[in-house]
N, C-alpha and C. Protein backbone atom coordinates (compact mmCIF):
# COMPACT_ATOMS: atom_id res chain seq x y z
N UNK A 1 0.82 -1.19 0.00
CA UNK A 1 0.00 0.00 0.00
C UNK A 1 0.86 1.25 0.00
N UNK A 2 1.99 1.21 0.66
CA UNK A 2 2.88 2.37 0.70
C UNK A 2 3.41 2.66 -0.69
N UNK A 3 3.70 1.60 -1.46
CA UNK A 3 4.18 1.79 -2.82
C UNK A 3 3.18 2.57 -3.66
N UNK A 4 1.91 2.25 -3.56
CA UNK A 4 0.89 2.95 -4.34
C UNK A 4 0.80 4.41 -3.95
N UNK A 5 0.90 4.72 -2.68
CA UNK A 5 0.85 6.11 -2.24
C UNK A 5 2.04 6.88 -2.78
N UNK A 6 3.22 6.26 -2.78
CA UNK A 6 4.41 6.91 -3.33
C UNK A 6 4.29 7.13 -4.82
N UNK A 7 3.76 6.15 -5.54
CA UNK A 7 3.59 6.29 -6.98
C UNK A 7 2.57 7.37 -7.30
N UNK A 8 1.53 7.49 -6.51
CA UNK A 8 0.52 8.52 -6.75
C UNK A 8 1.11 9.91 -6.56
N UNK A 9 2.00 10.06 -5.60
CA UNK A 9 2.59 11.39 -5.38
C UNK A 9 3.50 11.79 -6.53
N UNK A 10 4.09 10.82 -7.24
CA UNK A 10 4.93 11.14 -8.40
C UNK A 10 4.09 11.42 -9.64
N UNK A 11 2.91 10.83 -9.72
CA UNK A 11 2.10 10.95 -10.92
C UNK A 11 1.35 12.27 -11.00
N UNK A 12 1.12 12.93 -9.87
CA UNK A 12 0.32 14.14 -9.87
C UNK A 12 1.17 15.33 -9.45
N UNK A 13 1.18 16.40 -10.26
CA UNK A 13 1.97 17.58 -9.89
C UNK A 13 1.44 18.21 -8.61
N UNK A 14 2.31 18.90 -7.93
CA UNK A 14 1.96 19.53 -6.66
C UNK A 14 1.58 20.98 -6.88
N UNK A 15 0.50 21.41 -6.26
CA UNK A 15 0.10 22.80 -6.29
C UNK A 15 0.45 23.40 -4.94
N UNK A 16 1.21 24.47 -4.98
CA UNK A 16 1.55 25.14 -3.73
C UNK A 16 0.32 25.87 -3.23
N UNK A 17 -0.09 25.58 -2.03
CA UNK A 17 -1.29 26.20 -1.47
C UNK A 17 -1.08 27.67 -1.14
N UNK A 18 -2.11 28.45 -1.31
CA UNK A 18 -2.06 29.85 -0.91
C UNK A 18 -2.92 30.01 0.32
N UNK A 19 -2.47 30.79 1.27
CA UNK A 19 -3.26 30.97 2.49
C UNK A 19 -4.63 31.57 2.18
N UNK A 20 -5.69 31.11 2.84
CA UNK A 20 -7.00 31.68 2.59
C UNK A 20 -7.01 33.16 2.91
N UNK A 21 -7.66 33.93 2.07
CA UNK A 21 -7.76 35.36 2.30
C UNK A 21 -6.66 36.17 1.65
N UNK A 22 -5.63 35.53 1.11
CA UNK A 22 -4.55 36.27 0.46
C UNK A 22 -4.76 36.23 -1.05
N UNK A 23 -5.58 37.13 -1.55
CA UNK A 23 -5.95 37.15 -2.96
C UNK A 23 -4.80 37.61 -3.86
N UNK A 24 -3.76 38.21 -3.27
CA UNK A 24 -2.64 38.70 -4.08
C UNK A 24 -1.49 37.70 -4.16
N UNK A 25 -1.56 36.58 -3.44
CA UNK A 25 -0.53 35.56 -3.53
C UNK A 25 -0.59 34.92 -4.91
N UNK A 26 0.56 34.77 -5.54
CA UNK A 26 0.62 34.22 -6.90
C UNK A 26 0.46 32.70 -6.82
N UNK A 27 -0.55 32.14 -7.52
CA UNK A 27 -0.72 30.69 -7.54
C UNK A 27 0.45 30.03 -8.28
N UNK A 28 0.92 28.91 -7.76
CA UNK A 28 2.07 28.21 -8.33
C UNK A 28 1.72 26.74 -8.48
N UNK A 29 2.11 26.15 -9.62
CA UNK A 29 1.99 24.71 -9.80
C UNK A 29 3.36 24.19 -10.23
N UNK A 30 3.75 23.05 -9.65
CA UNK A 30 5.06 22.47 -9.89
C UNK A 30 4.91 21.20 -10.71
N UNK A 31 5.44 21.24 -11.95
CA UNK A 31 5.40 20.06 -12.81
C UNK A 31 6.37 18.98 -12.37
N UNK A 32 7.43 19.37 -11.67
CA UNK A 32 8.38 18.42 -11.12
C UNK A 32 9.23 17.69 -12.15
N UNK A 33 9.43 18.26 -13.34
CA UNK A 33 10.21 17.55 -14.37
C UNK A 33 11.38 18.37 -14.90
N UNK A 34 11.74 19.46 -14.22
CA UNK A 34 12.88 20.24 -14.67
C UNK A 34 13.06 21.51 -13.87
N UNK A 35 14.09 22.32 -14.24
CA UNK A 35 14.43 23.52 -13.48
C UNK A 35 13.79 24.81 -13.99
N UNK A 36 13.04 24.75 -15.07
CA UNK A 36 12.54 25.98 -15.70
C UNK A 36 11.21 26.43 -15.11
N UNK A 37 10.87 27.69 -15.41
CA UNK A 37 9.62 28.25 -14.92
C UNK A 37 9.03 29.20 -15.96
N UNK A 38 7.76 29.50 -15.78
CA UNK A 38 7.07 30.46 -16.64
C UNK A 38 6.13 31.28 -15.77
N UNK A 39 6.30 32.60 -15.80
CA UNK A 39 5.46 33.52 -15.05
C UNK A 39 4.51 34.21 -16.02
N UNK A 40 3.24 34.31 -15.63
CA UNK A 40 2.23 34.89 -16.50
C UNK A 40 1.54 36.07 -15.83
N UNK A 41 1.25 37.08 -16.65
CA UNK A 41 0.34 38.15 -16.28
C UNK A 41 -0.73 38.18 -17.36
N UNK A 42 -1.96 37.96 -16.97
CA UNK A 42 -3.08 37.89 -17.91
C UNK A 42 -3.91 39.15 -17.73
N UNK A 43 -4.20 39.83 -18.85
CA UNK A 43 -5.01 41.04 -18.78
C UNK A 43 -5.96 41.10 -19.96
N UNK A 44 -6.96 41.98 -19.84
CA UNK A 44 -7.94 42.14 -20.92
C UNK A 44 -7.45 43.19 -21.91
N UNK A 45 -8.27 43.48 -22.92
CA UNK A 45 -7.86 44.42 -23.97
C UNK A 45 -7.68 45.84 -23.44
N UNK A 46 -8.27 46.16 -22.29
CA UNK A 46 -8.10 47.48 -21.68
C UNK A 46 -6.87 47.53 -20.77
N UNK A 47 -6.21 46.39 -20.57
CA UNK A 47 -5.02 46.35 -19.73
C UNK A 47 -5.29 46.00 -18.28
N UNK A 48 -6.54 45.72 -17.93
CA UNK A 48 -6.90 45.36 -16.56
C UNK A 48 -6.57 43.88 -16.31
N UNK A 49 -6.08 43.53 -15.12
CA UNK A 49 -5.79 42.12 -14.83
C UNK A 49 -7.07 41.28 -14.83
N UNK A 50 -6.95 40.03 -15.26
CA UNK A 50 -8.09 39.12 -15.34
C UNK A 50 -7.98 38.10 -14.21
N UNK A 51 -8.95 38.12 -13.30
CA UNK A 51 -9.00 37.18 -12.18
C UNK A 51 -9.61 35.86 -12.63
N UNK A 52 -9.07 34.75 -12.16
CA UNK A 52 -9.58 33.40 -12.41
C UNK A 52 -9.51 32.98 -13.88
N UNK A 53 -8.58 33.56 -14.63
CA UNK A 53 -8.33 33.06 -15.99
C UNK A 53 -7.59 31.73 -15.85
N UNK A 54 -7.88 30.79 -16.72
CA UNK A 54 -7.20 29.49 -16.69
C UNK A 54 -6.02 29.52 -17.66
N UNK A 55 -4.87 29.08 -17.17
CA UNK A 55 -3.69 28.94 -18.02
C UNK A 55 -3.34 27.46 -18.01
N UNK A 56 -3.22 26.86 -19.20
CA UNK A 56 -2.92 25.44 -19.25
C UNK A 56 -1.83 25.15 -20.28
N UNK A 57 -1.16 24.02 -20.08
CA UNK A 57 -0.10 23.58 -20.98
C UNK A 57 -0.10 22.05 -21.02
N UNK A 58 0.15 21.51 -22.20
CA UNK A 58 0.32 20.06 -22.38
C UNK A 58 1.80 19.84 -22.68
N UNK A 59 2.45 18.98 -21.89
CA UNK A 59 3.88 18.73 -22.06
C UNK A 59 4.07 17.27 -22.43
N UNK A 60 4.71 17.04 -23.59
CA UNK A 60 5.10 15.70 -24.01
C UNK A 60 6.62 15.67 -23.95
N UNK A 61 7.18 14.74 -23.18
CA UNK A 61 8.63 14.74 -22.96
C UNK A 61 9.13 13.31 -22.83
N UNK A 62 10.44 13.18 -22.72
CA UNK A 62 11.06 11.87 -22.58
C UNK A 62 11.31 11.23 -23.92
N UNK A 63 11.78 10.00 -23.90
CA UNK A 63 12.09 9.26 -25.13
C UNK A 63 10.84 9.13 -25.98
N UNK A 64 10.91 9.59 -27.21
CA UNK A 64 9.80 9.57 -28.17
C UNK A 64 8.56 10.28 -27.64
N UNK A 65 8.75 11.23 -26.73
CA UNK A 65 7.64 12.00 -26.14
C UNK A 65 6.55 11.11 -25.55
N UNK A 66 6.96 9.98 -24.99
CA UNK A 66 6.01 9.02 -24.43
C UNK A 66 5.38 9.56 -23.15
N UNK A 67 6.13 10.29 -22.36
CA UNK A 67 5.59 10.84 -21.12
C UNK A 67 4.81 12.11 -21.41
N UNK A 68 3.67 12.24 -20.76
CA UNK A 68 2.82 13.40 -20.99
C UNK A 68 2.34 13.96 -19.66
N UNK A 69 2.21 15.29 -19.63
CA UNK A 69 1.78 15.96 -18.41
C UNK A 69 0.92 17.16 -18.81
N UNK A 70 -0.26 17.27 -18.23
CA UNK A 70 -1.14 18.41 -18.44
C UNK A 70 -1.20 19.20 -17.13
N UNK A 71 -0.92 20.50 -17.23
CA UNK A 71 -0.97 21.37 -16.06
C UNK A 71 -1.97 22.49 -16.33
N UNK A 72 -2.73 22.88 -15.32
CA UNK A 72 -3.69 23.98 -15.44
C UNK A 72 -3.72 24.74 -14.13
N UNK A 73 -3.80 26.07 -14.24
CA UNK A 73 -3.73 26.91 -13.07
C UNK A 73 -4.57 28.16 -13.30
N UNK A 74 -5.22 28.65 -12.27
CA UNK A 74 -6.00 29.89 -12.35
C UNK A 74 -5.19 31.07 -11.86
N UNK A 75 -5.53 32.26 -12.34
CA UNK A 75 -4.81 33.47 -11.95
C UNK A 75 -5.38 34.07 -10.67
N UNK A 76 -4.57 34.90 -10.01
CA UNK A 76 -5.02 35.61 -8.81
C UNK A 76 -5.70 36.92 -9.22
N UNK A 77 -6.02 37.77 -8.24
CA UNK A 77 -6.72 39.03 -8.54
C UNK A 77 -5.85 39.99 -9.35
N UNK A 78 -4.54 39.77 -9.36
CA UNK A 78 -3.64 40.60 -10.16
C UNK A 78 -3.40 40.00 -11.54
N UNK A 79 -4.10 38.92 -11.88
CA UNK A 79 -3.94 38.27 -13.18
C UNK A 79 -2.65 37.50 -13.32
N UNK A 80 -2.06 37.07 -12.20
CA UNK A 80 -0.76 36.40 -12.24
C UNK A 80 -0.87 34.92 -11.90
N UNK A 81 0.03 34.13 -12.52
CA UNK A 81 0.15 32.69 -12.26
C UNK A 81 1.58 32.28 -12.58
N UNK A 82 2.04 31.19 -11.94
CA UNK A 82 3.42 30.74 -12.15
C UNK A 82 3.48 29.22 -12.26
N UNK A 83 4.17 28.76 -13.31
CA UNK A 83 4.46 27.34 -13.49
C UNK A 83 5.94 27.14 -13.17
N UNK A 84 6.25 26.18 -12.30
CA UNK A 84 7.64 25.85 -12.02
C UNK A 84 7.85 24.36 -12.28
N UNK A 85 9.10 23.93 -12.28
CA UNK A 85 9.39 22.52 -12.51
C UNK A 85 9.17 22.09 -13.94
N UNK A 86 9.35 23.02 -14.89
CA UNK A 86 9.19 22.71 -16.31
C UNK A 86 10.51 22.19 -16.88
N UNK A 87 10.46 21.34 -17.92
CA UNK A 87 11.69 20.78 -18.48
C UNK A 87 12.52 21.84 -19.20
N UNK A 88 13.85 21.66 -19.18
CA UNK A 88 14.72 22.61 -19.87
C UNK A 88 15.05 22.18 -21.29
N UNK A 89 14.84 20.93 -21.62
CA UNK A 89 15.05 20.44 -22.99
C UNK A 89 13.79 19.70 -23.41
N UNK A 90 13.14 20.23 -24.42
CA UNK A 90 11.91 19.61 -24.90
C UNK A 90 11.87 19.80 -26.42
N UNK A 91 11.44 18.80 -27.12
CA UNK A 91 11.55 18.78 -28.58
C UNK A 91 10.71 19.87 -29.26
N UNK A 92 9.48 20.05 -28.82
CA UNK A 92 8.57 20.95 -29.55
C UNK A 92 8.24 22.25 -28.81
N UNK A 93 8.89 22.54 -27.72
CA UNK A 93 8.59 23.75 -26.96
C UNK A 93 7.30 23.59 -26.16
N UNK A 94 6.91 24.66 -25.50
CA UNK A 94 5.71 24.66 -24.66
C UNK A 94 4.71 25.68 -25.18
N UNK A 95 3.50 25.24 -25.40
CA UNK A 95 2.42 26.08 -25.91
C UNK A 95 1.41 26.28 -24.79
N UNK A 96 1.34 27.48 -24.27
CA UNK A 96 0.43 27.82 -23.17
C UNK A 96 -0.83 28.46 -23.72
N UNK A 97 -1.97 28.06 -23.19
CA UNK A 97 -3.26 28.63 -23.58
C UNK A 97 -3.92 29.23 -22.35
N UNK A 98 -4.36 30.47 -22.49
CA UNK A 98 -5.06 31.16 -21.40
C UNK A 98 -6.48 31.46 -21.86
N UNK A 99 -7.44 31.33 -20.95
CA UNK A 99 -8.83 31.62 -21.32
C UNK A 99 -9.62 32.03 -20.09
N UNK A 100 -10.68 32.78 -20.35
CA UNK A 100 -11.63 33.19 -19.32
C UNK A 100 -12.91 33.56 -20.05
N UNK A 101 -13.97 32.80 -19.78
CA UNK A 101 -15.24 33.06 -20.47
C UNK A 101 -15.07 32.87 -21.98
N UNK A 102 -15.45 33.91 -22.74
CA UNK A 102 -15.35 33.83 -24.20
C UNK A 102 -14.09 34.50 -24.74
N UNK A 103 -13.09 34.70 -23.87
CA UNK A 103 -11.84 35.33 -24.29
C UNK A 103 -10.69 34.34 -24.17
N UNK A 104 -9.69 34.49 -25.05
CA UNK A 104 -8.56 33.56 -25.04
C UNK A 104 -7.29 34.25 -25.52
N UNK A 105 -6.16 33.67 -25.16
CA UNK A 105 -4.85 34.14 -25.60
C UNK A 105 -3.88 32.98 -25.50
N UNK A 106 -2.67 33.15 -26.04
CA UNK A 106 -1.70 32.07 -26.05
C UNK A 106 -0.28 32.60 -26.00
N UNK A 107 0.64 31.71 -25.64
CA UNK A 107 2.06 32.05 -25.61
C UNK A 107 2.85 30.79 -25.90
N UNK A 108 4.02 30.96 -26.51
CA UNK A 108 4.90 29.84 -26.82
C UNK A 108 6.26 30.08 -26.17
N UNK A 109 6.86 29.02 -25.65
CA UNK A 109 8.17 29.13 -25.03
C UNK A 109 9.04 27.95 -25.43
N UNK A 110 10.30 28.23 -25.73
CA UNK A 110 11.31 27.20 -25.92
C UNK A 110 12.22 27.27 -24.71
N UNK A 111 12.04 26.38 -23.73
CA UNK A 111 12.81 26.47 -22.49
C UNK A 111 14.32 26.37 -22.69
N UNK A 112 14.78 25.80 -23.79
CA UNK A 112 16.21 25.73 -24.05
C UNK A 112 16.79 27.14 -24.23
N UNK A 113 15.96 28.08 -24.70
CA UNK A 113 16.40 29.47 -24.90
C UNK A 113 16.04 30.37 -23.72
N UNK A 114 14.86 30.21 -23.16
CA UNK A 114 14.40 31.04 -22.04
C UNK A 114 13.86 30.14 -20.94
N UNK A 115 14.74 29.71 -20.07
CA UNK A 115 14.35 28.78 -19.00
C UNK A 115 13.48 29.48 -17.95
N UNK A 116 13.68 30.75 -17.73
CA UNK A 116 12.89 31.53 -16.77
C UNK A 116 12.05 32.54 -17.55
N UNK A 117 11.00 32.07 -18.20
CA UNK A 117 10.21 32.90 -19.10
C UNK A 117 9.18 33.75 -18.35
N UNK A 118 8.91 34.93 -18.92
CA UNK A 118 7.86 35.80 -18.40
C UNK A 118 6.97 36.20 -19.57
N UNK A 119 5.67 36.04 -19.38
CA UNK A 119 4.71 36.31 -20.44
C UNK A 119 3.65 37.28 -19.97
N UNK A 120 3.21 38.12 -20.88
CA UNK A 120 2.06 38.98 -20.67
C UNK A 120 1.09 38.64 -21.78
N UNK A 121 -0.06 38.09 -21.43
CA UNK A 121 -1.03 37.64 -22.43
C UNK A 121 -2.28 38.51 -22.34
N UNK A 122 -2.71 39.02 -23.50
CA UNK A 122 -3.95 39.78 -23.59
C UNK A 122 -5.05 38.83 -24.06
N UNK A 123 -6.12 38.74 -23.30
CA UNK A 123 -7.25 37.90 -23.68
C UNK A 123 -8.17 38.67 -24.61
N UNK A 124 -8.44 38.09 -25.76
CA UNK A 124 -9.32 38.69 -26.75
C UNK A 124 -10.50 37.77 -27.00
N UNK A 125 -11.60 38.32 -27.49
CA UNK A 125 -12.79 37.52 -27.79
C UNK A 125 -12.43 36.45 -28.81
N UNK A 126 -12.93 35.23 -28.57
CA UNK A 126 -12.70 34.13 -29.50
C UNK A 126 -13.49 34.38 -30.78
N UNK A 127 -12.86 34.09 -31.91
CA UNK A 127 -13.57 34.21 -33.19
C UNK A 127 -14.33 32.93 -33.45
N UNK A 128 -15.53 33.05 -33.95
CA UNK A 128 -16.38 31.88 -34.17
C UNK A 128 -16.09 31.22 -35.46
């Protein structure tokens, strides 16, 4: 039984908890597969921060990209979110998608070039 609990902790990324009531604490999720990170600031077309926007990434890594990891995180009241533990060498880079309601935006990162990436994404209305 202990083996299963240990395997489960490796299979699921860890989310660093934020203290209740601290709306300005930046949410962080740890992929646990490398030293790189990506910091996001999400805002609307007027430049205002977007609260509770979802930022997600699909990571395929390892030999023949057999290993896969999906991470998703919501933004704080300042429109900020942080991914840590991202791989530093990945074949196809990382494609981040941000969305809130009917608005969306995206960002691309090649961690081999920018291991500590910072992105500012403007959410625009999705085209039908």
